[in-house]
């Protein structure tokens, strides 16, 4: 899984996503975040959601949540180094749907955490992220 912790950027896939954001032109960063959220949000409940796609959706949601009151700052080591634009509040809805999908059946990431016996602890962090976004004004 290339994961060293339960933080939203504690995996190779999330760190790579942050690096891709850093490498992208500033005007493309919002679009990349939107794409990561939309992909997971569009994946139907009967479709299998790949772990890397789930990780990128969680990382994108964490970037959005960090800009809202009460949001947790993004990991300064593995998160993006380059500044992000102010992300539009309209991204909250796909972020919420993406997080719901990550926690649903047919989610490889959830299965991997369950195999490690840490699914409850890990999913609590994702639910906390979701609550921040759901409560954002």
C-alpha atoms as a PDB file:
ATOM      1  CA  UNK A   1       0.000   0.000   0.000  1.00  0.00           C
ATOM      2  CA  UNK A   2       3.002   2.377   0.353  1.00  0.00           C
ATOM      3  CA  UNK A   3       1.514   3.840   3.520  1.00  0.00           C
ATOM      4  CA  UNK A   4       3.320   4.917   6.660  1.00  0.00           C
ATOM      5  CA  UNK A   5       0.488   6.424   8.691  1.00  0.00           C
ATOM      6  CA  UNK A   6      -3.190   7.310   8.806  1.00  0.00           C
ATOM      7  CA  UNK A   7      -2.813  10.955   7.884  1.00  0.00           C
ATOM      8  CA  UNK A   8      -4.413  12.128   4.672  1.00  0.00           C
ATOM      9  CA  UNK A   9      -0.976  12.511   3.042  1.00  0.00           C
ATOM     10  CA  UNK A  10       0.756   9.517   4.657  1.00  0.00           C
ATOM     11  CA  UNK A  11       1.047   7.394   1.524  1.00  0.00           C
ATOM     12  CA  UNK A  12       2.980   7.310  -1.715  1.00  0.00           C
ATOM     13  CA  UNK A  13      -0.142   8.033  -3.752  1.00  0.00           C
ATOM     14  CA  UNK A  14      -1.091  11.102  -1.689  1.00  0.00           C
ATOM     15  CA  UNK A  15       2.475  12.432  -1.667  1.00  0.00           C
ATOM     16  CA  UNK A  16       2.645  11.900  -5.439  1.00  0.00           C
ATOM     17  CA  UNK A  17      -0.651  13.770  -5.842  1.00  0.00           C
ATOM     18  CA  UNK A  18       0.778  16.667  -3.800  1.00  0.00           C
ATOM     19  CA  UNK A  19       3.907  16.616  -5.962  1.00  0.00           C
ATOM     20  CA  UNK A  20       1.784  16.679  -9.110  1.00  0.00           C
ATOM     21  CA  UNK A  21      -0.035  19.732  -7.782  1.00  0.00           C
ATOM     22  CA  UNK A  22       3.314  21.416  -7.113  1.00  0.00           C
ATOM     23  CA  UNK A  23       4.504  20.627 -10.640  1.00  0.00           C
ATOM     24  CA  UNK A  24       1.308  21.847 -12.305  1.00  0.00           C
ATOM     25  CA  UNK A  25       0.826  25.398 -13.506  1.00  0.00           C
ATOM     26  CA  UNK A  26      -1.002  27.412 -10.816  1.00  0.00           C
ATOM     27  CA  UNK A  27      -4.105  27.719 -12.986  1.00  0.00           C
ATOM     28  CA  UNK A  28      -4.403  23.923 -13.290  1.00  0.00           C
ATOM     29  CA  UNK A  29      -4.290  23.035  -9.560  1.00  0.00           C
ATOM     30  CA  UNK A  30      -7.980  23.620  -8.818  1.00  0.00           C
ATOM     31  CA  UNK A  31      -8.924  21.501 -11.837  1.00  0.00           C
ATOM     32  CA  UNK A  32      -6.716  18.623 -10.619  1.00  0.00           C
ATOM     33  CA  UNK A  33      -8.371  18.710  -7.210  1.00  0.00           C
ATOM     34  CA  UNK A  34     -11.803  18.768  -8.837  1.00  0.00           C
ATOM     35  CA  UNK A  35     -10.897  15.811 -11.064  1.00  0.00           C
ATOM     36  CA  UNK A  36      -9.718  13.715  -8.101  1.00  0.00           C
ATOM     37  CA  UNK A  37     -12.955  14.414  -6.234  1.00  0.00           C
ATOM     38  CA  UNK A  38     -15.210  13.912  -9.240  1.00  0.00           C
ATOM     39  CA  UNK A  39     -13.637  10.578 -10.187  1.00  0.00           C
ATOM     40  CA  UNK A  40     -14.317   9.018  -6.804  1.00  0.00           C
ATOM     41  CA  UNK A  41     -17.723  10.701  -6.498  1.00  0.00           C
ATOM     42  CA  UNK A  42     -18.819   9.292  -9.878  1.00  0.00           C
ATOM     43  CA  UNK A  43     -17.758   5.733  -9.087  1.00  0.00           C
ATOM     44  CA  UNK A  44     -20.948   3.788  -8.554  1.00  0.00           C
ATOM     45  CA  UNK A  45     -21.502   1.648  -5.460  1.00  0.00           C
ATOM     46  CA  UNK A  46     -21.226  -1.539  -7.522  1.00  0.00           C
ATOM     47  CA  UNK A  47     -17.934  -0.428  -9.103  1.00  0.00           C
ATOM     48  CA  UNK A  48     -14.621  -1.150  -7.412  1.00  0.00           C
ATOM     49  CA  UNK A  49     -12.820   2.026  -6.299  1.00  0.00           C
ATOM     50  CA  UNK A  50      -9.051   1.634  -6.606  1.00  0.00           C
ATOM     51  CA  UNK A  51      -7.014   2.511  -3.507  1.00  0.00           C
ATOM     52  CA  UNK A  52      -4.910   5.160  -5.276  1.00  0.00           C
ATOM     53  CA  UNK A  53      -8.028   6.895  -6.604  1.00  0.00           C
ATOM     54  CA  UNK A  54      -9.497   6.859  -3.092  1.00  0.00           C
ATOM     55  CA  UNK A  55      -6.283   8.247  -1.603  1.00  0.00           C
ATOM     56  CA  UNK A  56      -6.216  11.107  -4.118  1.00  0.00           C
ATOM     57  CA  UNK A  57      -9.858  11.936  -3.362  1.00  0.00           C
ATOM     58  CA  UNK A  58      -9.126  12.030   0.370  1.00  0.00           C
ATOM     59  CA  UNK A  59      -6.068  14.224  -0.183  1.00  0.00           C
ATOM     60  CA  UNK A  60      -8.079  16.578  -2.412  1.00  0.00           C
ATOM     61  CA  UNK A  61     -10.842  16.765   0.210  1.00  0.00           C
ATOM     62  CA  UNK A  62      -8.231  17.496   2.894  1.00  0.00           C
ATOM     63  CA  UNK A  63      -6.901  20.401   0.816  1.00  0.00           C
ATOM     64  CA  UNK A  64     -10.397  21.800   0.502  1.00  0.00           C
ATOM     65  CA  UNK A  65     -11.164  21.310   4.209  1.00  0.00           C
ATOM     66  CA  UNK A  66      -7.928  23.032   5.203  1.00  0.00           C
ATOM     67  CA  UNK A  67      -9.285  26.246   3.694  1.00  0.00           C
ATOM     68  CA  UNK A  68     -12.444  26.186   5.802  1.00  0.00           C
ATOM     69  CA  UNK A  69     -12.842  27.380   9.399  1.00  0.00           C
ATOM     70  CA  UNK A  70     -12.010  24.523  11.724  1.00  0.00           C
ATOM     71  CA  UNK A  71     -10.161  22.658   8.998  1.00  0.00           C
ATOM     72  CA  UNK A  72      -6.911  20.932   9.832  1.00  0.00           C
ATOM     73  CA  UNK A  73      -3.831  22.376   8.121  1.00  0.00           C
ATOM     74  CA  UNK A  74      -2.337  20.172   5.439  1.00  0.00           C
ATOM     75  CA  UNK A  75       0.708  18.073   6.317  1.00  0.00           C
ATOM     76  CA  UNK A  76       3.694  20.397   5.760  1.00  0.00           C
ATOM     77  CA  UNK A  77       6.031  17.517   4.893  1.00  0.00           C
ATOM     78  CA  UNK A  78       4.024  15.457   2.394  1.00  0.00           C
ATOM     79  CA  UNK A  79       1.347  17.946   1.342  1.00  0.00           C
ATOM     80  CA  UNK A  80       1.847  20.428  -1.482  1.00  0.00           C
ATOM     81  CA  UNK A  81       4.666  22.932  -1.097  1.00  0.00           C
ATOM     82  CA  UNK A  82       3.260  25.401  -3.597  1.00  0.00           C
ATOM     83  CA  UNK A  83       0.313  27.596  -2.615  1.00  0.00           C
ATOM     84  CA  UNK A  84      -3.110  26.564  -3.773  1.00  0.00           C
ATOM     85  CA  UNK A  85      -5.744  28.947  -5.024  1.00  0.00           C
ATOM     86  CA  UNK A  86      -8.767  29.648  -2.865  1.00  0.00           C
ATOM     87  CA  UNK A  87     -10.892  26.637  -3.693  1.00  0.00           C
ATOM     88  CA  UNK A  88     -14.570  27.270  -4.463  1.00  0.00           C
ATOM     89  CA  UNK A  89     -17.170  26.140  -1.960  1.00  0.00           C
ATOM     90  CA  UNK A  90     -18.951  24.306  -4.790  1.00  0.00           C
ATOM     91  CA  UNK A  91     -16.276  21.605  -4.423  1.00  0.00           C
ATOM     92  CA  UNK A  92     -17.725  20.600  -1.058  1.00  0.00           C
ATOM     93  CA  UNK A  93     -20.537  18.563  -2.616  1.00  0.00           C
ATOM     94  CA  UNK A  94     -18.305  16.345  -4.786  1.00  0.00           C
ATOM     95  CA  UNK A  95     -15.878  16.095  -1.857  1.00  0.00           C
ATOM     96  CA  UNK A  96     -18.635  14.813   0.419  1.00  0.00           C
ATOM     97  CA  UNK A  97     -19.793  12.306  -2.207  1.00  0.00           C
ATOM     98  CA  UNK A  98     -16.197  11.181  -2.798  1.00  0.00           C
ATOM     99  CA  UNK A  99     -15.588  10.608   0.909  1.00  0.00           C
ATOM    100  CA  UNK A 100     -18.855   8.687   1.202  1.00  0.00           C
ATOM    101  CA  UNK A 101     -17.742   6.517  -1.709  1.00  0.00           C
ATOM    102  CA  UNK A 102     -14.312   5.887  -0.170  1.00  0.00           C
ATOM    103  CA  UNK A 103     -16.024   4.566   2.968  1.00  0.00           C
ATOM    104  CA  UNK A 104     -18.556   2.412   1.087  1.00  0.00           C
ATOM    105  CA  UNK A 105     -18.440  -1.178  -0.087  1.00  0.00           C
ATOM    106  CA  UNK A 106     -16.201  -2.016  -3.036  1.00  0.00           C
ATOM    107  CA  UNK A 107     -13.501   0.377  -1.819  1.00  0.00           C
ATOM    108  CA  UNK A 108     -10.031  -1.152  -2.056  1.00  0.00           C
ATOM    109  CA  UNK A 109      -8.623   1.345   0.436  1.00  0.00           C
ATOM    110  CA  UNK A 110     -11.214   0.431   3.051  1.00  0.00           C
ATOM    111  CA  UNK A 111     -10.475  -3.240   2.438  1.00  0.00           C
ATOM    112  CA  UNK A 112      -6.729  -2.697   2.868  1.00  0.00           C
ATOM    113  CA  UNK A 113      -7.259  -0.916   6.189  1.00  0.00           C
ATOM    114  CA  UNK A 114      -9.634  -3.701   7.270  1.00  0.00           C
ATOM    115  CA  UNK A 115      -7.005  -6.304   6.376  1.00  0.00           C
ATOM    116  CA  UNK A 116      -4.579  -4.412   8.629  1.00  0.00           C
ATOM    117  CA  UNK A 117      -7.196  -4.361  11.410  1.00  0.00           C
ATOM    118  CA  UNK A 118      -7.216  -0.558  11.415  1.00  0.00           C
ATOM    119  CA  UNK A 119     -10.347   0.207   9.398  1.00  0.00           C
ATOM    120  CA  UNK A 120     -12.278   1.741  12.309  1.00  0.00           C
ATOM    121  CA  UNK A 121      -9.448   4.046  13.314  1.00  0.00           C
ATOM    122  CA  UNK A 122      -8.704   5.030   9.708  1.00  0.00           C
ATOM    123  CA  UNK A 123     -12.344   5.587   8.772  1.00  0.00           C
ATOM    124  CA  UNK A 124     -12.798   7.804  11.849  1.00  0.00           C
ATOM    125  CA  UNK A 125     -10.238  10.189  10.342  1.00  0.00           C
ATOM    126  CA  UNK A 126     -12.082  10.222   7.028  1.00  0.00           C
ATOM    127  CA  UNK A 127     -15.400  10.823   8.802  1.00  0.00           C
ATOM    128  CA  UNK A 128     -13.813  13.713  10.724  1.00  0.00           C
ATOM    129  CA  UNK A 129     -12.667  15.222   7.439  1.00  0.00           C
ATOM    130  CA  UNK A 130     -16.178  14.770   6.062  1.00  0.00           C
ATOM    131  CA  UNK A 131     -17.701  16.463   9.122  1.00  0.00           C
ATOM    132  CA  UNK A 132     -15.442  19.476   8.610  1.00  0.00           C
ATOM    133  CA  UNK A 133     -16.619  19.810   5.025  1.00  0.00           C
ATOM    134  CA  UNK A 134     -20.264  19.180   5.876  1.00  0.00           C
ATOM    135  CA  UNK A 135     -20.166  21.862   8.543  1.00  0.00           C
ATOM    136  CA  UNK A 136     -18.346  24.427   6.407  1.00  0.00           C
ATOM    137  CA  UNK A 137     -20.309  27.563   5.708  1.00  0.00           C
END
